[in-house]
């Protein structure tokens, strides 16, 4: 068989991973809520970086709803840490809501969950 052809029928039937990142920004009681869906990597990181810009915001409060994030590499980690630093320097706070699976494992491995408050769901992240 020629190189590069799939021979495993199970692999051939798997749907491709969603590519790209959707960022929806809303506000709830003065808290910016960013709802993400898809992958956070070097190709999509600028979208998230722009959404997390707090340069003109006093005491920003941000919740990042990560329930629909399917993949995150070191680009995402770096963006989250930079956002945390900018937000706290401006007197605000940032929380992550609902990271799960491999995304949560990535956050745990590098210790981001020890730095940025991670909550189980959006309701908890919006609470006190």
Protein backbone atom coordinates (compact mmCIF):
# COMPACT_ATOMS: atom_id res chain seq x y z
CA UNK A 1 0.00 0.00 0.00
CA UNK A 2 1.25 3.50 -0.78
CA UNK A 3 2.53 5.66 2.04
CA UNK A 4 0.07 8.19 3.48
CA UNK A 5 -3.08 6.11 2.94
CA UNK A 6 -5.17 5.18 5.96
CA UNK A 7 -5.65 1.47 6.39
CA UNK A 8 -7.59 1.48 9.67
CA UNK A 9 -11.32 1.69 8.83
CA UNK A 10 -12.13 3.15 12.27
CA UNK A 11 -9.74 6.05 11.72
CA UNK A 12 -11.18 6.67 8.25
CA UNK A 13 -14.67 7.07 9.73
CA UNK A 14 -13.67 9.59 12.41
CA UNK A 15 -14.90 13.09 11.83
CA UNK A 16 -12.16 15.70 11.53
CA UNK A 17 -11.52 17.90 14.56
CA UNK A 18 -13.20 21.29 14.31
CA UNK A 19 -10.72 23.88 13.19
CA UNK A 20 -10.84 27.52 14.20
CA UNK A 21 -12.06 29.46 17.16
CA UNK A 22 -15.34 31.23 17.74
CA UNK A 23 -15.29 34.06 20.31
CA UNK A 24 -18.58 35.56 21.47
CA UNK A 25 -18.35 38.53 23.83
CA UNK A 26 -21.30 39.48 26.04
CA UNK A 27 -21.72 41.21 29.39
CA UNK A 28 -23.53 40.08 32.53
CA UNK A 29 -23.78 42.46 35.51
CA UNK A 30 -20.65 44.33 34.41
CA UNK A 31 -18.65 41.14 33.80
CA UNK A 32 -17.29 40.54 30.30
CA UNK A 33 -18.14 36.97 29.33
CA UNK A 34 -16.15 35.44 26.48
CA UNK A 35 -17.73 32.25 25.18
CA UNK A 36 -15.19 30.24 23.22
CA UNK A 37 -15.75 27.30 20.87
CA UNK A 38 -13.11 25.38 18.97
CA UNK A 39 -9.34 25.33 19.23
CA UNK A 40 -6.87 27.76 20.77
CA UNK A 41 -3.53 27.53 18.98
CA UNK A 42 -1.06 29.67 17.05
CA UNK A 43 -3.53 30.04 14.16
CA UNK A 44 -6.43 31.26 16.33
CA UNK A 45 -4.64 32.92 19.25
CA UNK A 46 -4.87 36.48 17.93
CA UNK A 47 -8.67 36.32 18.08
CA UNK A 48 -8.57 35.47 21.76
CA UNK A 49 -5.77 37.95 22.47
CA UNK A 50 -7.84 40.78 20.95
CA UNK A 51 -10.97 39.76 22.88
CA UNK A 52 -8.97 39.86 26.13
CA UNK A 53 -7.57 43.34 25.53
CA UNK A 54 -8.21 45.43 28.67
CA UNK A 55 -5.99 48.41 27.83
CA UNK A 56 -8.91 50.86 28.08
CA UNK A 57 -10.81 49.18 30.92
CA UNK A 58 -10.63 50.12 34.59
CA UNK A 59 -10.97 47.19 37.00
CA UNK A 60 -11.94 44.63 34.32
CA UNK A 61 -13.84 41.52 35.32
CA UNK A 62 -13.71 38.70 32.78
CA UNK A 63 -15.10 35.18 32.66
CA UNK A 64 -13.89 32.92 29.88
CA UNK A 65 -16.43 30.18 29.19
CA UNK A 66 -14.26 27.28 27.98
CA UNK A 67 -16.86 24.49 27.89
CA UNK A 68 -16.66 24.23 24.10
CA UNK A 69 -12.87 24.51 23.74
CA UNK A 70 -11.69 21.23 22.25
CA UNK A 71 -7.93 21.88 22.11
CA UNK A 72 -5.43 24.32 23.55
CA UNK A 73 -1.66 24.44 23.07
CA UNK A 74 1.04 26.61 24.63
CA UNK A 75 -0.26 29.60 22.66
CA UNK A 76 -3.44 29.51 24.71
CA UNK A 77 -1.52 29.13 27.96
CA UNK A 78 0.61 32.18 27.13
CA UNK A 79 -2.44 34.25 26.19
CA UNK A 80 -4.24 33.34 29.42
CA UNK A 81 -1.21 34.18 31.58
CA UNK A 82 -0.67 37.51 29.78
CA UNK A 83 -4.37 38.34 30.18
CA UNK A 84 -4.24 37.44 33.88
CA UNK A 85 -1.26 39.77 34.36
CA UNK A 86 -2.92 42.64 32.47
CA UNK A 87 -6.26 42.23 34.21
CA UNK A 88 -4.82 42.03 37.72
CA UNK A 89 -2.49 44.97 37.01
CA UNK A 90 -5.62 46.96 36.13
CA UNK A 91 -7.23 45.97 39.46
CA UNK A 92 -9.61 43.39 38.02
CA UNK A 93 -10.02 39.64 37.95
CA UNK A 94 -10.31 36.82 35.43
CA UNK A 95 -11.91 33.39 35.80
CA UNK A 96 -12.18 30.32 33.62
CA UNK A 97 -15.51 28.51 33.44
CA UNK A 98 -15.94 24.84 32.63
CA UNK A 99 -12.63 23.78 31.11
CA UNK A 100 -12.78 20.01 30.68
CA UNK A 101 -10.96 17.02 29.29
CA UNK A 102 -7.60 17.61 27.68
CA UNK A 103 -7.94 21.39 28.06
CA UNK A 104 -8.30 21.12 31.84
CA UNK A 105 -5.45 18.63 31.94
CA UNK A 106 -3.23 21.09 30.05
CA UNK A 107 -4.14 23.85 32.53
CA UNK A 108 -3.30 21.53 35.44
CA UNK A 109 -0.01 20.27 34.01
CA UNK A 110 1.42 23.77 33.64
CA UNK A 111 -0.20 25.09 36.82
CA UNK A 112 -2.49 27.69 35.26
CA UNK A 113 -5.33 26.45 37.46
CA UNK A 114 -3.23 27.48 40.48
CA UNK A 115 -2.90 31.03 39.13
CA UNK A 116 -6.22 31.70 37.39
CA UNK A 117 -9.43 30.86 39.21
CA UNK A 118 -11.10 27.90 37.45
CA UNK A 119 -14.76 27.23 38.18
CA UNK A 120 -16.82 24.18 37.21
CA UNK A 121 -19.42 26.14 35.25
CA UNK A 122 -20.44 29.60 34.09
CA UNK A 123 -22.88 30.17 36.96
CA UNK A 124 -20.13 29.59 39.52
CA UNK A 125 -17.67 31.74 37.59
CA UNK A 126 -20.10 34.66 37.59
CA UNK A 127 -20.74 34.31 41.33
CA UNK A 128 -18.74 35.78 44.22
